Amino acid sequence: GPVALMDAVEESARLAGLPDAQIH
């Protein structure tokens, strides 16, 4: 979707401790 939404999701995923391999 919109870049701002994807950036927010990606940042939250990393803060939650998810590795990059689990973020798409």
PDB file of all heavy atoms in Angstrom:
ATOM      1  N   GLY A   1       0.822  -1.201   0.000  1.00  0.00           N
ATOM      2  CA  GLY A   1       0.000   0.000   0.000  1.00  0.00           C
ATOM      3  C   GLY A   1       0.853   1.247   0.000  1.00  0.00           C
ATOM      4  O   GLY A   1       1.989   1.233  -0.485  1.00  0.00           O
ATOM      5  N   PRO A   2       0.360   2.339   0.558  1.00  0.00           N
ATOM      6  CA  PRO A   2       1.135   3.578   0.601  1.00  0.00           C
ATOM      7  C   PRO A   2       2.458   3.390   1.336  1.00  0.00           C
ATOM      8  O   PRO A   2       2.536   2.626   2.310  1.00  0.00           O
ATOM      9  CB  PRO A   2       0.208   4.535   1.366  1.00  0.00           C
ATOM     10  CG  PRO A   2      -1.165   3.981   1.167  1.00  0.00           C
ATOM     11  CD  PRO A   2      -0.995   2.491   1.107  1.00  0.00           C
ATOM     12  N   VAL A   3       3.488   4.094   0.866  1.00  0.00           N
ATOM     13  CA  VAL A   3       4.824   3.936   1.443  1.00  0.00           C
ATOM     14  C   VAL A   3       4.821   4.250   2.934  1.00  0.00           C
ATOM     15  O   VAL A   3       5.471   3.550   3.723  1.00  0.00           O
ATOM     16  CB  VAL A   3       5.829   4.831   0.691  1.00  0.00           C
ATOM     17  CG1 VAL A   3       7.187   4.837   1.398  1.00  0.00           C
ATOM     18  CG2 VAL A   3       5.994   4.353  -0.750  1.00  0.00           C
ATOM     19  N   ALA A   4       4.092   5.278   3.356  1.00  0.00           N
ATOM     20  CA  ALA A   4       4.076   5.653   4.775  1.00  0.00           C
ATOM     21  C   ALA A   4       3.531   4.519   5.634  1.00  0.00           C
ATOM     22  O   ALA A   4       4.040   4.252   6.731  1.00  0.00           O
ATOM     23  CB  ALA A   4       3.246   6.920   4.978  1.00  0.00           C
ATOM     24  N   LEU A   5       2.482   3.852   5.157  1.00  0.00           N
ATOM     25  CA  LEU A   5       1.923   2.726   5.897  1.00  0.00           C
ATOM     26  C   LEU A   5       2.923   1.581   5.963  1.00  0.00           C
ATOM     27  O   LEU A   5       3.153   1.000   7.037  1.00  0.00           O
ATOM     28  CB  LEU A   5       0.627   2.249   5.233  1.00  0.00           C
ATOM     29  CG  LEU A   5       0.025   0.952   5.797  1.00  0.00           C
ATOM     30  CD1 LEU A   5      -0.416   1.147   7.236  1.00  0.00           C
ATOM     31  CD2 LEU A   5      -1.137   0.469   4.933  1.00  0.00           C
ATOM     32  N   MET A   6       3.531   1.243   4.841  1.00  0.00           N
ATOM     33  CA  MET A   6       4.492   0.143   4.830  1.00  0.00           C
ATOM     34  C   MET A   6       5.681   0.437   5.725  1.00  0.00           C
ATOM     35  O   MET A   6       6.173  -0.441   6.435  1.00  0.00           O
ATOM     36  CB  MET A   6       4.946  -0.139   3.398  1.00  0.00           C
ATOM     37  CG  MET A   6       3.845  -0.695   2.508  1.00  0.00           C
ATOM     38  SD  MET A   6       4.482  -1.332   0.942  1.00  0.00           S
ATOM     39  CE  MET A   6       5.201   0.164   0.258  1.00  0.00           C
ATOM     40  N   ASP A   7       6.151   1.687   5.713  1.00  0.00           N
ATOM     41  CA  ASP A   7       7.266   2.064   6.586  1.00  0.00           C
ATOM     42  C   ASP A   7       6.882   1.897   8.054  1.00  0.00           C
ATOM     43  O   ASP A   7       7.684   1.421   8.868  1.00  0.00           O
ATOM     44  CB  ASP A   7       7.681   3.512   6.323  1.00  0.00           C
ATOM     45  CG  ASP A   7       8.439   3.684   5.009  1.00  0.00           C
ATOM     46  OD1 ASP A   7       8.859   2.667   4.431  1.00  0.00           O
ATOM     47  OD2 ASP A   7       8.607   4.839   4.573  1.00  0.00           O
ATOM     48  N   ALA A   8       5.660   2.299   8.408  1.00  0.00           N
ATOM     49  CA  ALA A   8       5.208   2.187   9.794  1.00  0.00           C
ATOM     50  C   ALA A   8       5.106   0.725  10.221  1.00  0.00           C
ATOM     51  O   ALA A   8       5.489   0.356  11.335  1.00  0.00           O
ATOM     52  CB  ALA A   8       3.858   2.885   9.967  1.00  0.00           C
ATOM     53  N   VAL A   9       4.589  -0.117   9.330  1.00  0.00           N
ATOM     54  CA  VAL A   9       4.481  -1.548   9.632  1.00  0.00           C
ATOM     55  C   VAL A   9       5.870  -2.162   9.784  1.00  0.00           C
ATOM     56  O   VAL A   9       6.131  -2.930  10.719  1.00  0.00           O
ATOM     57  CB  VAL A   9       3.682  -2.274   8.532  1.00  0.00           C
ATOM     58  CG1 VAL A   9       3.764  -3.786   8.706  1.00  0.00           C
ATOM     59  CG2 VAL A   9       2.236  -1.814   8.539  1.00  0.00           C
ATOM     60  N   GLU A  10       6.762  -1.815   8.864  1.00  0.00           N
ATOM     61  CA  GLU A  10       8.116  -2.363   8.913  1.00  0.00           C
ATOM     62  C   GLU A  10       8.838  -1.928  10.185  1.00  0.00           C
ATOM     63  O   GLU A  10       9.506  -2.731  10.848  1.00  0.00           O
ATOM     64  CB  GLU A  10       8.900  -1.917   7.679  1.00  0.00           C
ATOM     65  CG  GLU A  10      10.242  -2.588   7.524  1.00  0.00           C
ATOM     66  CD  GLU A  10      10.890  -2.301   6.172  1.00  0.00           C
ATOM     67  OE1 GLU A  10      10.197  -1.795   5.274  1.00  0.00           O
ATOM     68  OE2 GLU A  10      12.082  -2.597   6.029  1.00  0.00           O
ATOM     69  N   GLU A  11       8.701  -0.664  10.560  1.00  0.00           N
ATOM     70  CA  GLU A  11       9.344  -0.170  11.783  1.00  0.00           C
ATOM     71  C   GLU A  11       8.789  -0.884  13.015  1.00  0.00           C
ATOM     72  O   GLU A  11       9.545  -1.297  13.903  1.00  0.00           O
ATOM     73  CB  GLU A  11       9.124   1.340  11.922  1.00  0.00           C
ATOM     74  CG  GLU A  11       9.762   1.937  13.165  1.00  0.00           C
ATOM     75  CD  GLU A  11       9.493   3.423  13.307  1.00  0.00           C
ATOM     76  OE1 GLU A  11       8.748   3.984  12.470  1.00  0.00           O
ATOM     77  OE2 GLU A  11      10.014   4.025  14.257  1.00  0.00           O
ATOM     78  N   SER A  12       7.465  -1.061  13.072  1.00  0.00           N
ATOM     79  CA  SER A  12       6.845  -1.747  14.210  1.00  0.00           C
ATOM     80  C   SER A  12       7.291  -3.203  14.282  1.00  0.00           C
ATOM     81  O   SER A  12       7.506  -3.747  15.375  1.00  0.00           O
ATOM     82  CB  SER A  12       5.320  -1.677  14.109  1.00  0.00           C
ATOM     83  OG  SER A  12       4.861  -0.347  14.230  1.00  0.00           O
ATOM     84  N   ALA A  13       7.435  -3.841  13.124  1.00  0.00           N
ATOM     85  CA  ALA A  13       7.878  -5.233  13.094  1.00  0.00           C
ATOM     86  C   ALA A  13       9.295  -5.365  13.639  1.00  0.00           C
ATOM     87  O   ALA A  13       9.600  -6.293  14.410  1.00  0.00           O
ATOM     88  CB  ALA A  13       7.794  -5.779  11.672  1.00  0.00           C
ATOM     89  N   ARG A  14      10.152  -4.440  13.263  1.00  0.00           N
ATOM     90  CA  ARG A  14      11.532  -4.496  13.751  1.00  0.00           C
ATOM     91  C   ARG A  14      11.587  -4.202  15.253  1.00  0.00           C
ATOM     92  O   ARG A  14      12.341  -4.843  15.993  1.00  0.00           O
ATOM     93  CB  ARG A  14      12.396  -3.506  12.976  1.00  0.00           C
ATOM     94  CG  ARG A  14      12.652  -3.929  11.536  1.00  0.00           C
ATOM     95  CD  ARG A  14      13.899  -3.279  10.968  1.00  0.00           C
ATOM     96  NE  ARG A  14      14.230  -3.840   9.670  1.00  0.00           N
ATOM     97  CZ  ARG A  14      13.912  -3.289   8.509  1.00  0.00           C
ATOM     98  NH1 ARG A  14      13.240  -2.147   8.491  1.00  0.00           N
ATOM     99  NH2 ARG A  14      14.243  -3.863   7.371  1.00  0.00           N
ATOM    100  N   LEU A  15      10.797  -3.228  15.704  1.00  0.00           N
ATOM    101  CA  LEU A  15      10.757  -2.912  17.136  1.00  0.00           C
ATOM    102  C   LEU A  15      10.215  -4.089  17.943  1.00  0.00           C
ATOM    103  O   LEU A  15      10.598  -4.278  19.113  1.00  0.00           O
ATOM    104  CB  LEU A  15       9.899  -1.668  17.383  1.00  0.00           C
ATOM    105  CG  LEU A  15      10.492  -0.343  16.919  1.00  0.00           C
ATOM    106  CD1 LEU A  15       9.487   0.798  17.081  1.00  0.00           C
ATOM    107  CD2 LEU A  15      11.777  -0.022  17.696  1.00  0.00           C
ATOM    108  N   ALA A  16       9.336  -4.874  17.322  1.00  0.00           N
ATOM    109  CA  ALA A  16       8.793  -6.052  17.996  1.00  0.00           C
ATOM    110  C   ALA A  16       9.807  -7.189  18.068  1.00  0.00           C
ATOM    111  O   ALA A  16       9.592  -8.173  18.778  1.00  0.00           O
ATOM    112  CB  ALA A  16       7.533  -6.530  17.283  1.00  0.00           C
ATOM    113  N   GLY A  17      10.914  -7.038  17.315  1.00  0.00           N
ATOM    114  CA  GLY A  17      11.974  -8.042  17.351  1.00  0.00           C
ATOM    115  C   GLY A  17      11.971  -9.022  16.211  1.00  0.00           C
ATOM    116  O   GLY A  17      12.695 -10.022  16.230  1.00  0.00           O
ATOM    117  N   LEU A  18      11.167  -8.746  15.168  1.00  0.00           N
ATOM    118  CA  LEU A  18      11.139  -9.655  14.022  1.00  0.00           C
ATOM    119  C   LEU A  18      12.364  -9.455  13.144  1.00  0.00           C
ATOM    120  O   LEU A  18      12.746  -8.317  12.854  1.00  0.00           O
ATOM    121  CB  LEU A  18       9.878  -9.427  13.188  1.00  0.00           C
ATOM    122  CG  LEU A  18       8.566 -10.011  13.709  1.00  0.00           C
ATOM    123  CD1 LEU A  18       7.429  -9.611  12.775  1.00  0.00           C
ATOM    124  CD2 LEU A  18       8.637 -11.513  13.822  1.00  0.00           C
ATOM    125  N   PRO A  19      12.970 -10.528  12.666  1.00  0.00           N
ATOM    126  CA  PRO A  19      14.101 -10.393  11.733  1.00  0.00           C
ATOM    127  C   PRO A  19      13.606  -9.966  10.356  1.00  0.00           C
ATOM    128  O   PRO A  19      12.437 -10.166  10.009  1.00  0.00           O
ATOM    129  CB  PRO A  19      14.691 -11.806  11.698  1.00  0.00           C
ATOM    130  CG  PRO A  19      13.549 -12.703  12.042  1.00  0.00           C
ATOM    131  CD  PRO A  19      12.695 -11.935  13.017  1.00  0.00           C
ATOM    132  N   ASP A  20      14.511  -9.405   9.567  1.00  0.00           N
ATOM    133  CA  ASP A  20      14.147  -8.919   8.229  1.00  0.00           C
ATOM    134  C   ASP A  20      13.553 -10.022   7.357  1.00  0.00           C
ATOM    135  O   ASP A  20      12.704  -9.749   6.500  1.00  0.00           O
ATOM    136  CB  ASP A  20      15.375  -8.327   7.526  1.00  0.00           C
ATOM    137  CG  ASP A  20      15.766  -6.978   8.114  1.00  0.00           C
ATOM    138  OD1 ASP A  20      15.002  -6.435   8.938  1.00  0.00           O
ATOM    139  OD2 ASP A  20      16.844  -6.471   7.758  1.00  0.00           O
ATOM    140  N   ALA A  21      13.996 -11.268   7.576  1.00  0.00           N
ATOM    141  CA  ALA A  21      13.520 -12.373   6.740  1.00  0.00           C
ATOM    142  C   ALA A  21      12.033 -12.641   6.926  1.00  0.00           C
ATOM    143  O   ALA A  21      11.419 -13.330   6.101  1.00  0.00           O
ATOM    144  CB  ALA A  21      14.310 -13.644   7.053  1.00  0.00           C
ATOM    145  N   GLN A  22      11.431 -12.095   7.994  1.00  0.00           N
ATOM    146  CA  GLN A  22      10.010 -12.308   8.249  1.00  0.00           C
ATOM    147  C   GLN A  22       9.176 -11.059   7.949  1.00  0.00           C
ATOM    148  O   GLN A  22       7.988 -11.022   8.269  1.00  0.00           O
ATOM    149  CB  GLN A  22       9.799 -12.747   9.704  1.00  0.00           C
ATOM    150  CG  GLN A  22      10.310 -14.155   9.981  1.00  0.00           C
ATOM    151  CD  GLN A  22      10.267 -14.539  11.440  1.00  0.00           C
ATOM    152  OE1 GLN A  22      11.233 -15.078  11.976  1.00  0.00           O
ATOM    153  NE2 GLN A  22       9.162 -14.283  12.110  1.00  0.00           N
ATOM    154  N   ILE A  23       9.792 -10.060   7.306  1.00  0.00           N
ATOM    155  CA  ILE A  23       9.096  -8.819   6.961  1.00  0.00           C
ATOM    156  C   ILE A  23       9.104  -8.678   5.442  1.00  0.00           C
ATOM    157  O   ILE A  23      10.161  -8.641   4.817  1.00  0.00           O
ATOM    158  CB  ILE A  23       9.769  -7.597   7.608  1.00  0.00           C
ATOM    159  CG1 ILE A  23       9.894  -7.797   9.117  1.00  0.00           C
ATOM    160  CG2 ILE A  23       8.978  -6.322   7.303  1.00  0.00           C
ATOM    161  CD1 ILE A  23      10.758  -6.744   9.795  1.00  0.00           C
ATOM    162  N   HIS A  24       7.923  -8.606   4.844  1.00  0.00           N
ATOM    163  CA  HIS A  24       7.805  -8.582   3.385  1.00  0.00           C
ATOM    164  C   HIS A  24       6.925  -7.401   2.976  1.00  0.00           C
ATOM    165  O   HIS A  24       5.906  -7.130   3.602  1.00  0.00           O
ATOM    166  CB  HIS A  24       7.178  -9.883   2.876  1.00  0.00           C
ATOM    167  CG  HIS A  24       7.739 -11.115   3.521  1.00  0.00           C
ATOM    168  ND1 HIS A  24       8.833 -11.781   3.027  1.00  0.00           N
ATOM    169  CD2 HIS A  24       7.361 -11.795   4.645  1.00  0.00           C
ATOM    170  CE1 HIS A  24       9.101 -12.824   3.798  1.00  0.00           C
ATOM    171  NE2 HIS A  24       8.220 -12.854   4.793  1.00  0.00           N
TER     172      HIS A  24
END
